[in-house]
Amino acid sequence: MANPKPYLSIVIPVYNESKRLPLTLLDIDKHLSKVDFTYEILIYNDGSTDDTVEVVEKMKKLIPNLRVDGYQKNQGKGTAVKEGMLEANGKYRLFMDSDNSTSIDQFEKMRPFIDKGAHVVIGSRDIKGAVMEPPQSLLKRIMGNMGNLFIQILLLPGIWDTQCGFKCFSEEASLKIFPLQKIKRWGFDPEILSLAKKFGYKIEEIPVYWINDTDSKLSPFSYVQVLLEVVKIRFWFWFDAYGLRKKPQIK
């Protein structure tokens, strides 16, 4: 008999995270051991060259509903998220960062919107109620605010934080959006949210508690790369590179 579909899938893309990931998994297990819904935890390996996969395999003995998949050659966070969200089995599928910047307990803030039928709910560090500790440097805040304004103008007016790595999609939305995703690295967030908007899904934005990782892998060049990819996405929509005019839109 097949296992029943879990209510929630937690997808964590990883690249060389053998040191930080165990604490994240323990924190997830701590919170999910108390919930009233079924779940799975899917670690999606983006071609790690360290012992990330071996670490996860060992932790499967401690943490229920944990599994790992992925590929051998690094392709980028966007690809790992895409493949993980499509492989996940949950009725709702949430991807989060391996450094646990936003703890899984913040999912409880999403549930009221999900219970009302929302298909896309995203975490935000830039709306009322959000907390970031410690605060980002002045340079990162300026770059982030300017980048957000640029993304709003070109693609997503009214969305204040496209880059927070804590986003939840229904199974229906996941199966519509992620097969069309083209961006492999940092710019995938504006792309999947633009696709959600194109399909007619309302994007709910909730404030989260965010622990600012001073060892973040996001370099200043990554900010520039995201903005260049936003321009690319805008052109793809103009020229219907996704073939959306041939696809029925939801009402």
Protein backbone atom coordinates (compact mmCIF):
# COMPACT_ATOMS: atom_id res chain seq x y z
CA MET A 1 0.00 0.00 0.00
CA ALA A 2 1.42 3.41 -1.02
CA ASN A 3 2.29 5.89 1.67
CA PRO A 4 -0.29 8.70 2.00
CA LYS A 5 0.66 12.07 0.59
CA PRO A 6 2.22 14.25 3.33
CA TYR A 7 0.63 17.58 4.12
CA LEU A 8 3.97 19.41 3.91
CA SER A 9 7.25 18.81 2.11
CA ILE A 10 10.28 20.78 3.31
CA VAL A 11 12.81 21.08 0.47
CA ILE A 12 16.34 22.19 1.36
CA PRO A 13 18.81 22.78 -1.50
CA VAL A 14 22.38 22.14 -0.37
CA TYR A 15 25.90 22.63 -1.66
CA ASN A 16 28.75 21.69 0.68
CA GLU A 17 26.67 22.12 3.83
CA SER A 18 27.93 19.22 5.97
CA LYS A 19 28.83 21.56 8.85
CA ARG A 20 25.72 23.76 9.04
CA LEU A 21 23.05 21.29 7.95
CA PRO A 22 22.96 19.00 11.03
CA LEU A 23 21.89 21.83 13.37
CA THR A 24 19.25 22.91 10.86
CA LEU A 25 17.85 19.39 10.66
CA LEU A 26 17.77 19.05 14.43
CA ASP A 27 15.88 22.34 14.71
CA ILE A 28 13.39 21.22 12.06
CA ASP A 29 12.87 17.91 13.85
CA LYS A 30 12.40 19.71 17.16
CA HIS A 31 9.55 21.82 15.78
CA LEU A 32 7.92 19.26 13.51
CA SER A 33 7.79 16.60 16.22
CA LYS A 34 5.02 18.71 17.78
CA VAL A 35 2.88 19.48 14.73
CA ASP A 36 -0.53 18.06 13.89
CA PHE A 37 0.22 17.32 10.22
CA THR A 38 2.26 14.82 8.22
CA TYR A 39 5.49 15.91 6.57
CA GLU A 40 8.65 14.91 4.75
CA ILE A 41 12.10 16.55 4.65
CA LEU A 42 13.86 16.40 1.29
CA ILE A 43 17.52 17.43 1.10
CA TYR A 44 18.37 18.16 -2.52
CA ASN A 45 22.09 17.98 -3.18
CA ASP A 46 23.46 20.45 -5.73
CA GLY A 47 26.64 18.50 -6.57
CA SER A 48 28.36 18.85 -3.19
CA THR A 49 32.04 17.91 -3.08
CA ASP A 50 32.15 17.43 0.70
CA ASP A 51 30.40 14.77 2.79
CA THR A 52 26.98 16.47 2.88
CA VAL A 53 25.17 13.42 1.52
CA GLU A 54 26.90 11.06 3.96
CA VAL A 55 25.98 13.33 6.88
CA VAL A 56 22.32 13.32 5.86
CA GLU A 57 22.31 9.55 5.43
CA LYS A 58 23.58 9.16 9.00
CA MET A 59 20.99 11.58 10.35
CA LYS A 60 18.15 9.56 8.81
CA LYS A 61 18.52 7.28 11.83
CA LEU A 62 17.69 10.19 14.14
CA ILE A 63 15.18 12.19 12.13
CA PRO A 64 11.99 10.65 10.71
CA ASN A 65 10.76 11.28 7.17
CA LEU A 66 14.18 12.52 6.02
CA ARG A 67 15.53 11.68 2.59
CA VAL A 68 18.21 12.98 0.23
CA ASP A 69 18.50 13.17 -3.54
CA GLY A 70 20.30 15.30 -6.10
CA TYR A 71 22.95 15.12 -8.78
CA GLN A 72 26.74 14.93 -9.10
CA LYS A 73 27.65 18.22 -10.84
CA ASN A 74 26.90 21.61 -9.29
CA GLN A 75 24.21 23.43 -11.29
CA GLY A 76 23.03 26.22 -9.00
CA LYS A 77 20.54 26.78 -6.23
CA GLY A 78 17.73 27.50 -8.68
CA THR A 79 18.10 24.08 -10.28
CA ALA A 80 18.24 22.32 -6.91
CA VAL A 81 15.07 24.09 -5.76
CA LYS A 82 13.28 23.31 -9.02
CA GLU A 83 14.15 19.61 -8.96
CA GLY A 84 13.41 19.31 -5.25
CA MET A 85 10.01 20.98 -5.51
CA LEU A 86 9.04 18.72 -8.39
CA GLU A 87 10.23 15.57 -6.64
CA ALA A 88 8.50 16.46 -3.37
CA ASN A 89 5.25 14.66 -2.57
CA GLY A 90 3.53 17.13 -0.27
CA LYS A 91 0.19 18.84 -0.70
CA TYR A 92 2.19 21.96 0.16
CA ARG A 93 5.88 22.35 -0.64
CA LEU A 94 8.12 24.79 1.19
CA PHE A 95 11.74 25.45 0.35
CA MET A 96 14.08 26.93 2.93
CA ASP A 97 17.79 27.63 3.34
CA SER A 98 20.23 25.13 4.79
CA ASP A 99 21.62 27.72 7.22
CA ASN A 100 18.21 27.93 8.94
CA SER A 101 18.04 31.71 8.49
CA THR A 102 14.29 31.33 8.83
CA SER A 103 13.27 28.49 11.12
CA ILE A 104 10.51 26.10 10.13
CA ASP A 105 8.43 27.44 13.04
CA GLN A 106 7.67 30.46 10.80
CA PHE A 107 5.53 28.14 8.68
CA GLU A 108 2.79 28.59 11.29
CA LYS A 109 2.42 32.18 10.05
CA MET A 110 1.69 30.81 6.59
CA ARG A 111 -0.99 28.34 7.64
CA PRO A 112 -3.86 30.85 8.05
CA PHE A 113 -3.41 31.86 4.39
CA ILE A 114 -3.07 28.22 3.28
CA ASP A 115 -6.23 27.32 5.20
CA LYS A 116 -8.05 30.01 3.22
CA GLY A 117 -6.87 28.49 -0.06
CA ALA A 118 -3.68 30.39 -0.86
CA HIS A 119 -1.40 28.67 -3.36
CA VAL A 120 1.73 30.85 -2.92
CA VAL A 121 2.89 32.23 0.43
CA ILE A 122 6.35 33.77 0.82
CA GLY A 123 8.44 35.00 3.71
CA SER A 124 9.52 38.63 3.77
CA ARG A 125 12.21 40.54 5.63
CA ASP A 126 10.92 43.92 4.43
CA ILE A 127 7.34 44.21 5.60
CA LYS A 128 5.91 45.27 8.95
CA GLY A 129 6.54 42.68 11.64
CA ALA A 130 9.68 41.20 10.07
CA VAL A 131 12.82 40.95 12.22
CA MET A 132 16.39 40.60 10.98
CA GLU A 133 19.15 39.84 13.52
CA PRO A 134 21.81 41.04 13.36
CA PRO A 135 20.90 43.84 10.94
CA GLN A 136 22.54 43.74 7.52
CA SER A 137 25.39 46.10 6.72
CA LEU A 138 24.49 49.50 5.25
CA LEU A 139 25.92 48.45 1.87
CA LYS A 140 23.80 45.29 1.72
CA ARG A 141 20.67 47.21 2.77
CA ILE A 142 21.22 49.80 0.04
CA MET A 143 21.91 47.16 -2.59
CA GLY A 144 18.93 45.12 -1.47
CA ASN A 145 16.52 48.07 -1.50
CA MET A 146 17.69 49.28 -4.90
CA GLY A 147 17.48 45.77 -6.28
CA ASN A 148 13.96 45.31 -4.89
CA LEU A 149 12.82 48.57 -6.48
CA PHE A 150 14.25 47.41 -9.81
CA ILE A 151 12.45 44.04 -9.54
CA GLN A 152 9.17 45.73 -8.63
CA ILE A 153 9.38 48.06 -11.64
CA LEU A 154 10.19 45.31 -14.13
CA LEU A 155 8.29 42.30 -12.81
CA LEU A 156 6.61 42.24 -9.42
CA PRO A 157 5.00 45.47 -8.21
CA GLY A 158 3.92 45.23 -4.59
CA ILE A 159 6.23 42.35 -3.63
CA TRP A 160 8.70 43.73 -1.09
CA ASP A 161 11.11 40.83 -0.76
CA THR A 162 11.53 38.39 -3.63
CA GLN A 163 14.81 36.93 -2.33
CA CYS A 164 13.87 35.55 1.08
CA GLY A 165 14.62 31.83 0.97
CA PHE A 166 11.39 30.74 2.64
CA LYS A 167 8.57 30.13 0.17
CA CYS A 168 5.61 27.77 0.12
CA PHE A 169 3.64 26.57 -2.92
CA SER A 170 0.66 24.27 -3.20
CA GLU A 171 1.13 21.06 -5.16
CA GLU A 172 -1.01 22.52 -7.95
CA ALA A 173 1.08 25.70 -8.18
CA SER A 174 4.35 23.75 -7.95
CA LEU A 175 3.43 21.52 -10.89
CA LYS A 176 2.45 24.53 -13.00
CA ILE A 177 5.36 26.82 -12.15
CA PHE A 178 8.54 24.82 -11.62
CA PRO A 179 8.56 22.86 -14.90
CA LEU A 180 8.77 26.25 -16.67
CA GLN A 181 11.61 27.64 -14.54
CA LYS A 182 14.72 28.46 -16.60
CA ILE A 183 17.03 30.33 -14.21
CA LYS A 184 19.56 27.99 -12.60
CA ARG A 185 21.19 30.21 -10.00
CA TRP A 186 20.34 33.22 -7.81
CA GLY A 187 17.72 34.90 -10.02
CA PHE A 188 15.21 32.06 -9.87
CA ASP A 189 13.08 33.67 -7.14
CA PRO A 190 11.75 36.57 -9.26
CA GLU A 191 11.17 34.09 -12.08
CA ILE A 192 9.00 31.65 -10.13
CA LEU A 193 7.04 34.50 -8.53
CA SER A 194 6.50 36.10 -11.96
CA LEU A 195 5.24 32.77 -13.26
CA ALA A 196 2.91 32.49 -10.25
CA LYS A 197 1.55 35.94 -11.04
CA LYS A 198 1.17 35.03 -14.72
CA PHE A 199 -0.87 31.97 -13.78
CA GLY A 200 -3.15 34.15 -11.69
CA TYR A 201 -2.04 33.09 -8.22
CA LYS A 202 -2.19 35.75 -5.54
CA ILE A 203 1.16 35.97 -3.73
CA GLU A 204 0.73 36.32 0.02
CA GLU A 205 3.71 37.89 1.84
CA ILE A 206 4.23 37.20 5.56
CA PRO A 207 6.82 38.77 7.92
CA VAL A 208 9.48 36.38 9.19
CA TYR A 209 12.18 36.27 11.82
CA TRP A 210 15.43 36.12 9.89
CA ILE A 211 18.86 35.34 11.34
CA ASN A 212 21.34 37.20 9.18
CA ASP A 213 24.22 34.86 8.27
CA THR A 214 27.48 36.81 8.11
CA ASP A 215 29.01 33.87 6.18
CA SER A 216 26.41 34.06 3.41
CA LYS A 217 27.49 32.74 0.01
CA LEU A 218 25.71 35.64 -1.71
CA SER A 219 28.46 37.98 -2.98
CA PRO A 220 28.02 41.53 -4.35
CA PHE A 221 28.39 40.02 -7.82
CA SER A 222 25.40 37.78 -7.06
CA TYR A 223 23.23 40.90 -6.62
CA VAL A 224 24.28 42.07 -10.08
CA GLN A 225 23.64 38.62 -11.52
CA VAL A 226 20.10 38.62 -10.10
CA LEU A 227 19.33 41.99 -11.69
CA LEU A 228 20.68 40.87 -15.06
CA GLU A 229 18.51 37.78 -14.85
CA VAL A 230 15.49 39.94 -13.99
CA VAL A 231 16.01 41.77 -17.28
CA LYS A 232 16.28 38.42 -19.04
CA ILE A 233 13.02 37.25 -17.44
CA ARG A 234 11.27 40.44 -18.55
CA PHE A 235 12.32 39.74 -22.14
CA TRP A 236 11.21 36.11 -21.86
CA PHE A 237 7.74 37.25 -20.86
CA TRP A 238 7.62 39.84 -23.63
CA PHE A 239 8.53 37.24 -26.26
CA ASP A 240 6.52 34.43 -24.63
CA ALA A 241 9.58 32.22 -24.17
CA TYR A 242 7.53 30.17 -21.67
CA GLY A 243 4.78 29.44 -24.17
CA LEU A 244 2.20 30.79 -21.74
CA ARG A 245 -0.12 32.11 -24.45
CA LYS A 246 -0.62 28.53 -25.53
CA LYS A 247 -1.48 27.38 -22.00
CA PRO A 248 -4.85 27.84 -20.30
CA GLN A 249 -4.70 30.26 -17.39
CA ILE A 250 -6.45 29.53 -14.09
CA LYS A 251 -9.41 31.69 -13.22
